[in-house]
């Protein structure tokens, strides 16, 4: 899905979005039970964040509540932090044969490597062509590295900028700040572990931060 393609900045090798979709009238039979089986695989592999936009992400509501509220209109999506997790996820989903459209978003060579190791062949590929226009109007790179992890841009630039300043000043921990960001992304593809590492990296190396896009 294109809303997950515009992530930017550092530490992208620890950021892999996954999405499970179905097509109405094609592979939507017994959907809720199949979603629960897929969630069991997701929990076994260990997604750092995931959720159903109908109920929210696991950083805000419990996995049990998400499972309980699954409906025929549910769409579950989330994020892994390593290529090994992607490979394991694809292997398990292939073996389970649950009939979902499985979408992986990340650095292309790493995604292709995982597909090859898992024995699956990508069906379709979308990729971001970048940003066109007056880039001076964009937030700085360190802010964008965080806000673009919510593909629907539900995390305001100014909130991220202010929170980054609070982290630098020692008023809030990187862990707490990253969770505050993640709670604003309702579909669960925000990677709070990557956000935490970005905040720590910026705090330790302030001279490299704040560059405009």
N, C-alpha and C. Protein backbone atom coordinates (compact mmCIF):
# COMPACT_ATOMS: atom_id res chain seq x y z
N UNK A 1 0.85 -1.19 0.00
CA UNK A 1 0.00 0.00 0.00
C UNK A 1 0.89 1.25 0.00
N UNK A 2 0.50 2.23 -0.80
CA UNK A 2 1.39 3.37 -1.02
C UNK A 2 1.58 4.23 0.22
N UNK A 3 0.67 4.18 1.18
CA UNK A 3 0.84 5.05 2.36
C UNK A 3 2.00 4.61 3.24
N UNK A 4 2.56 3.44 2.98
CA UNK A 4 3.69 2.96 3.78
C UNK A 4 5.03 3.13 3.06
N UNK A 5 5.03 3.77 1.90
CA UNK A 5 6.23 3.79 1.06
C UNK A 5 7.11 5.00 1.25
N UNK A 6 6.67 5.99 1.99
CA UNK A 6 7.40 7.25 2.01
C UNK A 6 8.22 7.47 3.27
N UNK A 7 8.53 6.37 3.97
CA UNK A 7 9.38 6.47 5.15
C UNK A 7 10.78 6.89 4.73
N UNK A 8 11.41 7.70 5.54
CA UNK A 8 12.72 8.24 5.16
C UNK A 8 13.61 8.35 6.39
N UNK A 9 14.85 8.75 6.18
CA UNK A 9 15.76 8.94 7.29
C UNK A 9 16.59 7.71 7.61
N UNK A 10 17.24 7.75 8.76
CA UNK A 10 18.19 6.71 9.16
C UNK A 10 17.50 5.49 9.77
N UNK A 11 18.26 4.41 9.88
CA UNK A 11 17.86 3.15 10.54
C UNK A 11 16.68 2.49 9.82
N UNK A 12 16.60 2.61 8.50
CA UNK A 12 15.52 1.94 7.76
C UNK A 12 15.75 0.44 7.65
N UNK A 13 16.97 0.00 7.95
CA UNK A 13 17.23 -1.45 7.92
C UNK A 13 16.57 -2.17 9.09
N UNK A 14 15.94 -1.41 9.99
CA UNK A 14 15.22 -2.00 11.13
C UNK A 14 13.73 -1.66 11.06
N UNK A 15 13.21 -1.55 9.84
CA UNK A 15 11.84 -1.05 9.67
C UNK A 15 11.17 -1.73 8.48
N UNK A 16 10.26 -2.66 8.76
CA UNK A 16 9.57 -3.40 7.70
C UNK A 16 8.06 -3.43 8.01
N UNK A 17 7.30 -2.74 7.20
CA UNK A 17 5.84 -2.73 7.37
C UNK A 17 5.25 -3.97 6.71
N UNK A 18 4.25 -4.56 7.36
CA UNK A 18 3.51 -5.66 6.75
C UNK A 18 2.01 -5.34 6.79
N UNK A 19 1.29 -5.82 5.81
CA UNK A 19 -0.15 -5.62 5.74
C UNK A 19 -0.80 -6.90 5.22
N UNK A 20 -1.92 -7.27 5.80
CA UNK A 20 -2.70 -8.42 5.34
C UNK A 20 -4.05 -7.91 4.83
N UNK A 21 -4.29 -8.12 3.54
CA UNK A 21 -5.53 -7.62 2.95
C UNK A 21 -6.31 -8.75 2.29
N UNK A 22 -7.57 -8.47 2.07
CA UNK A 22 -8.42 -9.41 1.34
C UNK A 22 -9.24 -8.63 0.32
N UNK A 23 -9.81 -9.35 -0.63
CA UNK A 23 -10.61 -8.75 -1.69
C UNK A 23 -12.05 -9.23 -1.53
N UNK A 24 -12.98 -8.31 -1.47
CA UNK A 24 -14.38 -8.65 -1.28
C UNK A 24 -14.87 -9.60 -2.37
N UNK A 25 -15.45 -10.70 -1.94
CA UNK A 25 -16.01 -11.66 -2.88
C UNK A 25 -14.99 -12.62 -3.48
N UNK A 26 -13.70 -12.43 -3.13
CA UNK A 26 -12.64 -13.28 -3.69
C UNK A 26 -12.01 -14.14 -2.60
N UNK A 27 -11.48 -13.49 -1.56
CA UNK A 27 -10.83 -14.25 -0.48
C UNK A 27 -11.26 -13.73 0.89
N UNK A 28 -12.55 -13.44 1.02
CA UNK A 28 -13.07 -12.89 2.27
C UNK A 28 -13.92 -13.89 3.06
N UNK A 29 -13.92 -15.15 2.66
CA UNK A 29 -14.71 -16.15 3.36
C UNK A 29 -14.09 -16.47 4.73
N UNK A 30 -14.96 -16.62 5.73
CA UNK A 30 -14.50 -16.98 7.08
C UNK A 30 -13.34 -16.08 7.53
N UNK A 31 -13.50 -14.81 7.27
CA UNK A 31 -12.39 -13.86 7.42
C UNK A 31 -11.91 -13.72 8.86
N UNK A 32 -12.83 -13.57 9.81
CA UNK A 32 -12.43 -13.32 11.19
C UNK A 32 -11.59 -14.46 11.75
N UNK A 33 -11.99 -15.69 11.50
CA UNK A 33 -11.22 -16.83 12.00
C UNK A 33 -9.85 -16.88 11.34
N UNK A 34 -9.77 -16.58 10.07
CA UNK A 34 -8.48 -16.58 9.38
C UNK A 34 -7.59 -15.46 9.90
N UNK A 35 -8.18 -14.32 10.22
CA UNK A 35 -7.40 -13.23 10.80
C UNK A 35 -6.81 -13.63 12.14
N UNK A 36 -7.60 -14.34 12.94
CA UNK A 36 -7.09 -14.79 14.24
C UNK A 36 -5.93 -15.76 14.07
N UNK A 37 -5.99 -16.61 13.05
CA UNK A 37 -4.88 -17.52 12.79
C UNK A 37 -3.64 -16.75 12.34
N UNK A 38 -3.85 -15.71 11.53
CA UNK A 38 -2.73 -14.89 11.08
C UNK A 38 -2.11 -14.13 12.25
N UNK A 39 -2.96 -13.64 13.15
CA UNK A 39 -2.46 -12.92 14.32
C UNK A 39 -1.60 -13.83 15.19
N UNK A 40 -1.97 -15.10 15.29
CA UNK A 40 -1.17 -16.05 16.06
C UNK A 40 0.25 -16.14 15.48
N UNK A 41 0.35 -16.12 14.15
CA UNK A 41 1.66 -16.14 13.50
C UNK A 41 2.41 -14.84 13.78
N UNK A 42 1.71 -13.73 13.69
CA UNK A 42 2.31 -12.42 13.93
C UNK A 42 2.87 -12.34 15.34
N UNK A 43 2.10 -12.83 16.31
CA UNK A 43 2.56 -12.79 17.70
C UNK A 43 3.74 -13.73 17.92
N UNK A 44 3.74 -14.84 17.21
CA UNK A 44 4.85 -15.79 17.32
C UNK A 44 6.14 -15.18 16.76
N UNK A 45 6.03 -14.49 15.64
CA UNK A 45 7.21 -13.85 15.03
C UNK A 45 7.66 -12.65 15.86
N UNK A 46 6.70 -11.91 16.42
CA UNK A 46 7.05 -10.82 17.32
C UNK A 46 7.05 -9.44 16.71
N UNK A 47 5.95 -9.02 16.09
CA UNK A 47 5.85 -7.67 15.56
C UNK A 47 5.92 -6.66 16.69
N UNK A 48 6.72 -5.60 16.51
CA UNK A 48 6.88 -4.60 17.56
C UNK A 48 5.60 -3.78 17.74
N UNK A 49 4.84 -3.66 16.67
CA UNK A 49 3.56 -2.94 16.72
C UNK A 49 2.66 -3.52 15.65
N UNK A 50 1.38 -3.58 15.92
CA UNK A 50 0.40 -3.99 14.92
C UNK A 50 -0.98 -3.62 15.43
N UNK A 51 -1.95 -3.66 14.55
CA UNK A 51 -3.29 -3.33 14.99
C UNK A 51 -4.30 -3.44 13.88
N UNK A 52 -5.54 -3.13 14.25
CA UNK A 52 -6.67 -3.05 13.32
C UNK A 52 -7.19 -1.62 13.46
N UNK A 53 -7.26 -0.90 12.35
CA UNK A 53 -7.66 0.51 12.42
C UNK A 53 -9.03 0.66 13.07
N UNK A 54 -9.84 -0.40 13.07
CA UNK A 54 -11.18 -0.34 13.67
C UNK A 54 -11.10 -0.23 15.20
N UNK A 55 -10.02 -0.74 15.78
CA UNK A 55 -9.90 -0.74 17.24
C UNK A 55 -8.64 -0.06 17.74
N UNK A 56 -7.58 -0.03 16.93
CA UNK A 56 -6.35 0.63 17.33
C UNK A 56 -5.16 -0.31 17.37
N UNK A 57 -3.98 0.24 17.68
CA UNK A 57 -2.74 -0.56 17.71
C UNK A 57 -2.48 -1.11 19.11
N UNK A 58 -1.57 -2.08 19.21
CA UNK A 58 -1.28 -2.73 20.50
C UNK A 58 -0.59 -1.81 21.49
N UNK A 59 -0.06 -0.67 21.01
CA UNK A 59 0.53 0.29 21.95
C UNK A 59 -0.55 1.05 22.70
N UNK A 60 -1.80 0.90 22.26
CA UNK A 60 -2.91 1.65 22.87
C UNK A 60 -3.99 0.75 23.44
N UNK A 61 -4.24 -0.39 22.79
CA UNK A 61 -5.24 -1.35 23.27
C UNK A 61 -4.60 -2.73 23.33
N UNK A 62 -5.18 -3.63 24.09
CA UNK A 62 -4.58 -4.95 24.26
C UNK A 62 -4.83 -5.81 23.02
N UNK A 63 -3.91 -6.75 22.73
CA UNK A 63 -4.14 -7.68 21.62
C UNK A 63 -5.46 -8.44 21.78
N UNK A 64 -5.81 -8.77 23.02
CA UNK A 64 -7.06 -9.49 23.26
C UNK A 64 -8.26 -8.67 22.79
N UNK A 65 -8.22 -7.37 23.04
CA UNK A 65 -9.33 -6.50 22.62
C UNK A 65 -9.40 -6.40 21.11
N UNK A 66 -8.25 -6.32 20.46
CA UNK A 66 -8.23 -6.26 18.99
C UNK A 66 -8.84 -7.53 18.41
N UNK A 67 -8.45 -8.67 18.95
CA UNK A 67 -8.98 -9.95 18.46
C UNK A 67 -10.49 -10.04 18.67
N UNK A 68 -10.94 -9.55 19.82
CA UNK A 68 -12.36 -9.60 20.15
C UNK A 68 -13.19 -8.73 19.21
N UNK A 69 -12.62 -7.63 18.75
CA UNK A 69 -13.36 -6.67 17.94
C UNK A 69 -13.19 -6.88 16.44
N UNK A 70 -12.50 -7.94 16.03
CA UNK A 70 -12.33 -8.22 14.61
C UNK A 70 -13.69 -8.36 13.92
N UNK A 71 -13.80 -7.81 12.72
CA UNK A 71 -15.02 -7.92 11.93
C UNK A 71 -14.66 -8.27 10.49
N UNK A 72 -15.67 -8.42 9.67
CA UNK A 72 -15.44 -8.72 8.26
C UNK A 72 -14.81 -7.53 7.52
N UNK A 73 -14.78 -6.37 8.17
CA UNK A 73 -14.18 -5.19 7.56
C UNK A 73 -12.80 -4.87 8.14
N UNK A 74 -12.27 -5.72 8.98
CA UNK A 74 -10.99 -5.47 9.62
C UNK A 74 -9.83 -5.55 8.62
N UNK A 75 -8.83 -4.74 8.86
CA UNK A 75 -7.57 -4.77 8.11
C UNK A 75 -6.45 -4.72 9.14
N UNK A 76 -5.66 -5.77 9.23
CA UNK A 76 -4.58 -5.76 10.20
C UNK A 76 -3.24 -5.47 9.51
N UNK A 77 -2.45 -4.68 10.19
CA UNK A 77 -1.15 -4.26 9.66
C UNK A 77 -0.22 -3.94 10.80
N UNK A 78 1.06 -3.96 10.54
CA UNK A 78 2.01 -3.72 11.62
C UNK A 78 3.42 -3.57 11.09
N UNK A 79 4.40 -3.81 11.98
CA UNK A 79 5.78 -3.55 11.59
C UNK A 79 6.73 -4.49 12.31
N UNK A 80 7.72 -4.97 11.59
CA UNK A 80 8.81 -5.77 12.13
C UNK A 80 10.07 -4.91 12.21
N UNK A 81 11.03 -5.37 13.00
CA UNK A 81 12.27 -4.60 13.18
C UNK A 81 13.49 -5.30 12.60
N UNK A 82 13.31 -6.45 11.94
CA UNK A 82 14.47 -7.12 11.35
C UNK A 82 14.06 -7.90 10.10
N UNK A 83 15.03 -8.10 9.23
CA UNK A 83 14.81 -8.87 8.02
C UNK A 83 14.52 -10.33 8.35
N UNK A 84 15.15 -10.85 9.40
CA UNK A 84 14.89 -12.24 9.80
C UNK A 84 13.42 -12.45 10.18
N UNK A 85 12.82 -11.45 10.82
CA UNK A 85 11.40 -11.55 11.15
C UNK A 85 10.54 -11.60 9.89
N UNK A 86 10.90 -10.79 8.91
CA UNK A 86 10.15 -10.78 7.65
C UNK A 86 10.22 -12.16 7.00
N UNK A 87 11.42 -12.73 6.96
CA UNK A 87 11.59 -14.05 6.36
C UNK A 87 10.76 -15.10 7.09
N UNK A 88 10.83 -15.10 8.41
CA UNK A 88 10.07 -16.07 9.20
C UNK A 88 8.58 -15.89 9.00
N UNK A 89 8.13 -14.65 8.97
CA UNK A 89 6.71 -14.34 8.76
C UNK A 89 6.24 -14.88 7.42
N UNK A 90 7.00 -14.62 6.36
CA UNK A 90 6.61 -15.09 5.03
C UNK A 90 6.58 -16.62 4.95
N UNK A 91 7.56 -17.26 5.58
CA UNK A 91 7.58 -18.72 5.59
C UNK A 91 6.34 -19.29 6.28
N UNK A 92 6.01 -18.72 7.43
CA UNK A 92 4.87 -19.22 8.20
C UNK A 92 3.54 -18.93 7.50
N UNK A 93 3.43 -17.77 6.89
CA UNK A 93 2.20 -17.44 6.17
C UNK A 93 2.03 -18.32 4.94
N UNK A 94 3.15 -18.62 4.27
CA UNK A 94 3.08 -19.51 3.11
C UNK A 94 2.63 -20.90 3.55
N UNK A 95 3.20 -21.40 4.65
CA UNK A 95 2.85 -22.74 5.14
C UNK A 95 1.40 -22.80 5.61
N UNK A 96 0.92 -21.72 6.25
CA UNK A 96 -0.45 -21.70 6.76
C UNK A 96 -1.47 -21.60 5.64
N UNK A 97 -1.09 -20.99 4.52
CA UNK A 97 -1.95 -20.89 3.33
C UNK A 97 -3.34 -20.35 3.70
N UNK A 98 -3.35 -19.17 4.33
CA UNK A 98 -4.61 -18.58 4.79
C UNK A 98 -5.32 -17.75 3.73
N UNK A 99 -4.69 -17.58 2.59
CA UNK A 99 -5.37 -16.93 1.48
C UNK A 99 -5.38 -15.42 1.50
N UNK A 100 -4.50 -14.79 2.28
CA UNK A 100 -4.45 -13.34 2.33
C UNK A 100 -3.51 -12.77 1.27
N UNK A 101 -3.73 -11.51 0.93
CA UNK A 101 -2.74 -10.75 0.17
C UNK A 101 -1.73 -10.23 1.19
N UNK A 102 -0.48 -10.67 1.10
CA UNK A 102 0.55 -10.30 2.07
C UNK A 102 1.45 -9.24 1.43
N UNK A 103 1.52 -8.10 2.08
CA UNK A 103 2.28 -6.97 1.55
C UNK A 103 3.41 -6.63 2.52
N UNK A 104 4.62 -6.49 1.98
CA UNK A 104 5.78 -6.11 2.78
C UNK A 104 6.36 -4.83 2.22
N UNK A 105 6.65 -3.88 3.09
CA UNK A 105 7.22 -2.60 2.67
C UNK A 105 8.52 -2.37 3.42
N UNK A 106 9.58 -2.05 2.68
CA UNK A 106 10.87 -1.81 3.30
C UNK A 106 11.91 -1.53 2.24
N UNK A 107 13.18 -1.49 2.63
CA UNK A 107 14.27 -1.30 1.66
C UNK A 107 14.24 -2.49 0.69
N UNK A 108 14.18 -2.20 -0.60
CA UNK A 108 13.86 -3.22 -1.60
C UNK A 108 14.78 -4.43 -1.59
N UNK A 109 16.10 -4.22 -1.54
CA UNK A 109 17.00 -5.37 -1.63
C UNK A 109 16.82 -6.29 -0.42
N UNK A 110 16.49 -5.71 0.74
CA UNK A 110 16.28 -6.53 1.92
C UNK A 110 14.95 -7.28 1.84
N UNK A 111 13.92 -6.64 1.32
CA UNK A 111 12.63 -7.31 1.15
C UNK A 111 12.76 -8.45 0.15
N UNK A 112 13.44 -8.19 -0.97
CA UNK A 112 13.62 -9.24 -1.98
C UNK A 112 14.42 -10.41 -1.41
N UNK A 113 15.43 -10.11 -0.60
CA UNK A 113 16.22 -11.16 0.03
C UNK A 113 15.35 -12.05 0.91
N UNK A 114 14.48 -11.42 1.70
CA UNK A 114 13.58 -12.18 2.58
C UNK A 114 12.62 -13.04 1.76
N UNK A 115 12.10 -12.49 0.67
CA UNK A 115 11.19 -13.25 -0.19
C UNK A 115 11.90 -14.48 -0.76
N UNK A 116 13.12 -14.29 -1.20
CA UNK A 116 13.88 -15.41 -1.77
C UNK A 116 14.12 -16.50 -0.73
N UNK A 117 14.52 -16.10 0.48
CA UNK A 117 14.78 -17.06 1.54
C UNK A 117 13.51 -17.79 1.98
N UNK A 118 12.38 -17.09 1.88
CA UNK A 118 11.11 -17.69 2.29
C UNK A 118 10.48 -18.52 1.19
N UNK A 119 11.04 -18.46 -0.01
CA UNK A 119 10.51 -19.24 -1.11
C UNK A 119 9.25 -18.66 -1.72
N UNK A 120 9.13 -17.33 -1.68
CA UNK A 120 7.97 -16.69 -2.30
C UNK A 120 8.44 -15.70 -3.36
N UNK A 121 7.62 -15.51 -4.38
CA UNK A 121 7.97 -14.61 -5.47
C UNK A 121 7.04 -13.40 -5.42
N UNK A 122 7.59 -12.19 -5.34
CA UNK A 122 6.74 -11.00 -5.31
C UNK A 122 5.85 -10.92 -6.53
N UNK A 123 4.59 -10.58 -6.30
CA UNK A 123 3.62 -10.48 -7.40
C UNK A 123 3.63 -9.10 -8.04
N UNK A 124 3.73 -8.07 -7.19
CA UNK A 124 3.64 -6.68 -7.65
C UNK A 124 4.60 -5.83 -6.82
N UNK A 125 5.10 -4.76 -7.41
CA UNK A 125 5.99 -3.87 -6.66
C UNK A 125 5.59 -2.42 -6.87
N UNK A 126 5.48 -1.69 -5.75
CA UNK A 126 5.30 -0.24 -5.79
C UNK A 126 6.48 0.39 -5.08
N UNK A 127 6.90 1.56 -5.52
CA UNK A 127 7.96 2.24 -4.79
C UNK A 127 7.79 3.74 -4.89
N UNK A 128 8.34 4.43 -3.90
CA UNK A 128 8.23 5.88 -3.83
C UNK A 128 9.24 6.53 -4.77
N UNK A 129 8.79 7.52 -5.50
CA UNK A 129 9.67 8.27 -6.39
C UNK A 129 10.29 9.47 -5.70
N UNK A 130 9.96 9.66 -4.42
CA UNK A 130 10.52 10.78 -3.68
C UNK A 130 9.54 11.94 -3.60
N UNK A 131 10.06 13.08 -3.20
CA UNK A 131 9.24 14.28 -3.00
C UNK A 131 9.57 15.31 -4.07
N UNK A 132 8.53 15.85 -4.70
CA UNK A 132 8.71 16.86 -5.73
C UNK A 132 8.16 18.20 -5.24
N UNK A 133 8.66 19.29 -5.80
CA UNK A 133 8.16 20.60 -5.42
C UNK A 133 9.13 21.34 -4.51
N UNK A 134 8.61 22.31 -3.79
CA UNK A 134 9.43 23.16 -2.92
C UNK A 134 9.70 22.44 -1.61
N UNK A 135 10.82 21.75 -1.54
CA UNK A 135 11.15 20.95 -0.36
C UNK A 135 11.47 21.80 0.86
N UNK A 136 11.70 23.10 0.65
CA UNK A 136 11.96 23.98 1.78
C UNK A 136 10.75 24.10 2.70
N UNK A 137 9.59 23.75 2.17
CA UNK A 137 8.36 23.81 2.97
C UNK A 137 8.21 22.60 3.89
N UNK A 138 9.04 21.58 3.67
CA UNK A 138 8.97 20.37 4.48
C UNK A 138 9.61 20.59 5.84
N UNK A 139 9.23 19.74 6.77
CA UNK A 139 9.92 19.72 8.07
C UNK A 139 11.35 19.24 7.87
N UNK A 140 12.18 19.36 8.89
CA UNK A 140 13.57 18.90 8.77
C UNK A 140 13.61 17.37 8.72
N UNK A 141 14.75 16.83 8.33
CA UNK A 141 14.89 15.40 8.08
C UNK A 141 14.60 14.54 9.31
N UNK A 142 15.02 14.99 10.48
CA UNK A 142 14.82 14.20 11.68
C UNK A 142 13.35 14.14 12.09
N UNK A 143 12.62 15.21 11.81
CA UNK A 143 11.18 15.19 12.05
C UNK A 143 10.48 14.28 11.05
N UNK A 144 10.85 14.39 9.78
CA UNK A 144 10.24 13.56 8.73
C UNK A 144 10.51 12.07 8.95
N UNK A 145 11.69 11.75 9.48
CA UNK A 145 12.01 10.34 9.74
C UNK A 145 10.99 9.72 10.68
N UNK A 146 10.40 10.55 11.54
CA UNK A 146 9.41 10.06 12.50
C UNK A 146 7.99 10.18 11.93
N UNK A 147 7.64 11.34 11.38
CA UNK A 147 6.26 11.53 10.92
C UNK A 147 5.90 10.62 9.75
N UNK A 148 6.87 10.29 8.89
CA UNK A 148 6.56 9.45 7.74
C UNK A 148 6.32 7.99 8.12
N UNK A 149 6.59 7.62 9.37
CA UNK A 149 6.26 6.26 9.80
C UNK A 149 4.77 6.10 10.08
N UNK A 150 4.03 7.20 10.07
CA UNK A 150 2.56 7.13 10.06
C UNK A 150 2.14 7.57 8.66
N UNK A 151 1.78 6.63 7.81
CA UNK A 151 1.52 6.92 6.41
C UNK A 151 0.38 7.88 6.17
N UNK A 152 -0.54 7.98 7.13
CA UNK A 152 -1.66 8.92 6.99
C UNK A 152 -1.35 10.27 7.65
N UNK A 153 -0.12 10.45 8.09
CA UNK A 153 0.38 11.69 8.69
C UNK A 153 -0.51 12.17 9.84
N UNK A 154 -0.77 11.25 10.77
CA UNK A 154 -1.56 11.58 11.95
C UNK A 154 -0.70 12.13 13.09
N UNK A 155 0.61 12.21 12.86
CA UNK A 155 1.53 12.72 13.88
C UNK A 155 2.03 14.08 13.42
N UNK A 156 1.60 15.17 14.06
CA UNK A 156 1.93 16.52 13.59
C UNK A 156 3.42 16.84 13.67
N UNK A 157 3.91 17.58 12.68
CA UNK A 157 5.32 17.98 12.64
C UNK A 157 5.71 18.75 13.91
N UNK A 158 4.89 19.72 14.29
CA UNK A 158 5.24 20.56 15.43
C UNK A 158 5.31 19.76 16.73
N UNK A 159 4.45 18.76 16.86
CA UNK A 159 4.48 17.91 18.06
C UNK A 159 5.79 17.13 18.11
N UNK A 160 6.21 16.61 16.97
CA UNK A 160 7.47 15.86 16.91
C UNK A 160 8.65 16.78 17.20
N UNK A 161 8.65 17.96 16.61
CA UNK A 161 9.75 18.91 16.84
C UNK A 161 9.85 19.27 18.32
N UNK A 162 8.72 19.56 18.94
CA UNK A 162 8.71 19.91 20.35
C UNK A 162 9.14 18.74 21.23
N UNK A 163 8.68 17.54 20.88
CA UNK A 163 9.05 16.36 21.66
C UNK A 163 10.53 16.06 21.52
N UNK A 164 11.07 16.22 20.34
CA UNK A 164 12.51 16.04 20.15
C UNK A 164 13.29 16.99 21.05
N UNK A 165 12.83 18.24 21.16
CA UNK A 165 13.49 19.21 22.03
C UNK A 165 13.41 18.76 23.49
N UNK A 166 12.26 18.25 23.90
CA UNK A 166 12.10 17.78 25.28
C UNK A 166 13.02 16.60 25.57
N UNK A 167 13.21 15.73 24.58
CA UNK A 167 14.14 14.60 24.77
C UNK A 167 15.56 15.12 24.93
N UNK A 168 15.96 16.06 24.10
CA UNK A 168 17.31 16.63 24.19
C UNK A 168 17.55 17.29 25.55
N UNK A 169 16.49 17.92 26.07
CA UNK A 169 16.60 18.62 27.35
C UNK A 169 16.46 17.70 28.55
N UNK A 170 16.23 16.42 28.29
CA UNK A 170 16.09 15.46 29.37
C UNK A 170 14.75 15.51 30.08
N UNK A 171 13.75 16.13 29.48
CA UNK A 171 12.43 16.26 30.11
C UNK A 171 11.53 15.06 29.85
N UNK A 172 11.87 14.28 28.85
CA UNK A 172 11.11 13.06 28.55
C UNK A 172 12.09 12.04 27.97
N UNK A 173 11.88 10.77 28.28
CA UNK A 173 12.79 9.74 27.78
C UNK A 173 12.47 9.39 26.33
N UNK A 174 13.46 8.93 25.57
CA UNK A 174 13.19 8.49 24.20
C UNK A 174 12.13 7.39 24.14
N UNK A 175 12.11 6.50 25.14
CA UNK A 175 11.13 5.41 25.17
C UNK A 175 9.71 5.96 25.29
N UNK A 176 9.52 6.89 26.22
CA UNK A 176 8.19 7.46 26.44
C UNK A 176 7.76 8.29 25.23
N UNK A 177 8.68 9.06 24.68
CA UNK A 177 8.36 9.90 23.53
C UNK A 177 7.95 9.05 22.33
N UNK A 178 8.67 7.96 22.09
CA UNK A 178 8.37 7.12 20.94
C UNK A 178 6.99 6.47 21.08
N UNK A 179 6.60 6.12 22.29
CA UNK A 179 5.26 5.55 22.52
C UNK A 179 4.18 6.61 22.32
N UNK A 180 4.47 7.85 22.70
CA UNK A 180 3.51 8.93 22.48
C UNK A 180 3.24 9.10 20.99
N UNK A 181 4.29 8.99 20.19
CA UNK A 181 4.12 9.06 18.73
C UNK A 181 3.29 7.88 18.23
N UNK A 182 3.64 6.68 18.67
CA UNK A 182 3.01 5.45 18.17
C UNK A 182 1.51 5.43 18.45
N UNK A 183 1.11 5.99 19.58
CA UNK A 183 -0.30 5.98 19.95
C UNK A 183 -1.16 6.84 19.02
N UNK A 184 -0.52 7.74 18.28
CA UNK A 184 -1.26 8.61 17.36
C UNK A 184 -1.49 7.96 16.00
N UNK A 185 -0.85 6.83 15.73
CA UNK A 185 -0.98 6.13 14.45
C UNK A 185 -1.96 4.98 14.63
N UNK A 186 -3.23 5.12 14.22
CA UNK A 186 -4.26 4.14 14.56
C UNK A 186 -4.14 2.78 13.89
N UNK A 187 -3.42 2.69 12.76
CA UNK A 187 -3.41 1.40 12.07
C UNK A 187 -2.23 0.52 12.46
N UNK A 188 -1.31 1.00 13.30
CA UNK A 188 -0.29 0.13 13.87
C UNK A 188 0.98 -0.06 13.08
N UNK A 189 1.25 0.80 12.06
CA UNK A 189 2.49 0.61 11.29
C UNK A 189 3.61 1.52 11.78
N UNK A 190 3.37 2.29 12.84
CA UNK A 190 4.44 3.12 13.39
C UNK A 190 5.41 2.26 14.17
N UNK A 191 6.69 2.45 13.92
CA UNK A 191 7.75 1.65 14.53
C UNK A 191 8.36 2.42 15.70
N UNK A 192 7.85 2.19 16.90
CA UNK A 192 8.33 2.94 18.06
C UNK A 192 9.76 2.60 18.44
N UNK A 193 10.22 1.39 18.10
CA UNK A 193 11.61 1.03 18.39
C UNK A 193 12.57 1.83 17.52
N UNK A 194 12.23 1.98 16.25
CA UNK A 194 13.07 2.81 15.38
C UNK A 194 13.02 4.27 15.83
N UNK A 195 11.84 4.76 16.21
CA UNK A 195 11.71 6.14 16.68
C UNK A 195 12.59 6.36 17.91
N UNK A 196 12.59 5.40 18.82
CA UNK A 196 13.43 5.52 20.02
C UNK A 196 14.90 5.60 19.64
N UNK A 197 15.34 4.75 18.72
CA UNK A 197 16.74 4.78 18.31
C UNK A 197 17.09 6.09 17.62
N UNK A 198 16.15 6.62 16.82
CA UNK A 198 16.39 7.90 16.16
C UNK A 198 16.55 9.02 17.18
N UNK A 199 15.71 9.01 18.20
CA UNK A 199 15.78 10.04 19.24
C UNK A 199 17.08 9.94 20.04
N UNK A 200 17.48 8.71 20.34
CA UNK A 200 18.75 8.52 21.07
C UNK A 200 19.93 8.98 20.22
N UNK A 201 19.91 8.61 18.94
CA UNK A 201 20.98 8.99 18.03
C UNK A 201 21.09 10.50 17.90
N UNK A 202 19.94 11.16 17.80
CA UNK A 202 19.95 12.63 17.69
C UNK A 202 20.45 13.28 18.98
N UNK A 203 20.06 12.72 20.11
CA UNK A 203 20.49 13.28 21.40
C UNK A 203 22.00 13.15 21.57
N UNK A 204 22.53 12.01 21.11
CA UNK A 204 23.97 11.77 21.26
C UNK A 204 24.80 12.50 20.22
N UNK A 205 24.17 12.83 19.07
CA UNK A 205 24.89 13.49 17.99
C UNK A 205 24.09 14.71 17.51
N UNK A 206 23.92 15.72 18.33
CA UNK A 206 23.08 16.87 17.99
C UNK A 206 23.54 17.64 16.76
N UNK A 207 24.80 17.55 16.42
CA UNK A 207 25.32 18.33 15.29
C UNK A 207 24.80 17.81 13.97
N UNK A 208 24.30 16.55 13.94
CA UNK A 208 23.84 15.96 12.69
C UNK A 208 22.34 16.15 12.48
N UNK A 209 21.66 16.77 13.43
CA UNK A 209 20.21 16.86 13.36
C UNK A 209 19.75 18.20 12.82
N UNK A 210 18.47 18.24 12.44
CA UNK A 210 17.84 19.50 12.07
C UNK A 210 18.00 19.92 10.62
N UNK A 211 18.57 19.07 9.77
CA UNK A 211 18.78 19.43 8.38
C UNK A 211 17.45 19.40 7.65
N UNK A 212 17.19 20.43 6.84
CA UNK A 212 15.95 20.50 6.09
C UNK A 212 15.97 19.55 4.91
N UNK A 213 14.76 19.05 4.52
CA UNK A 213 14.65 18.16 3.37
C UNK A 213 14.80 18.92 2.06
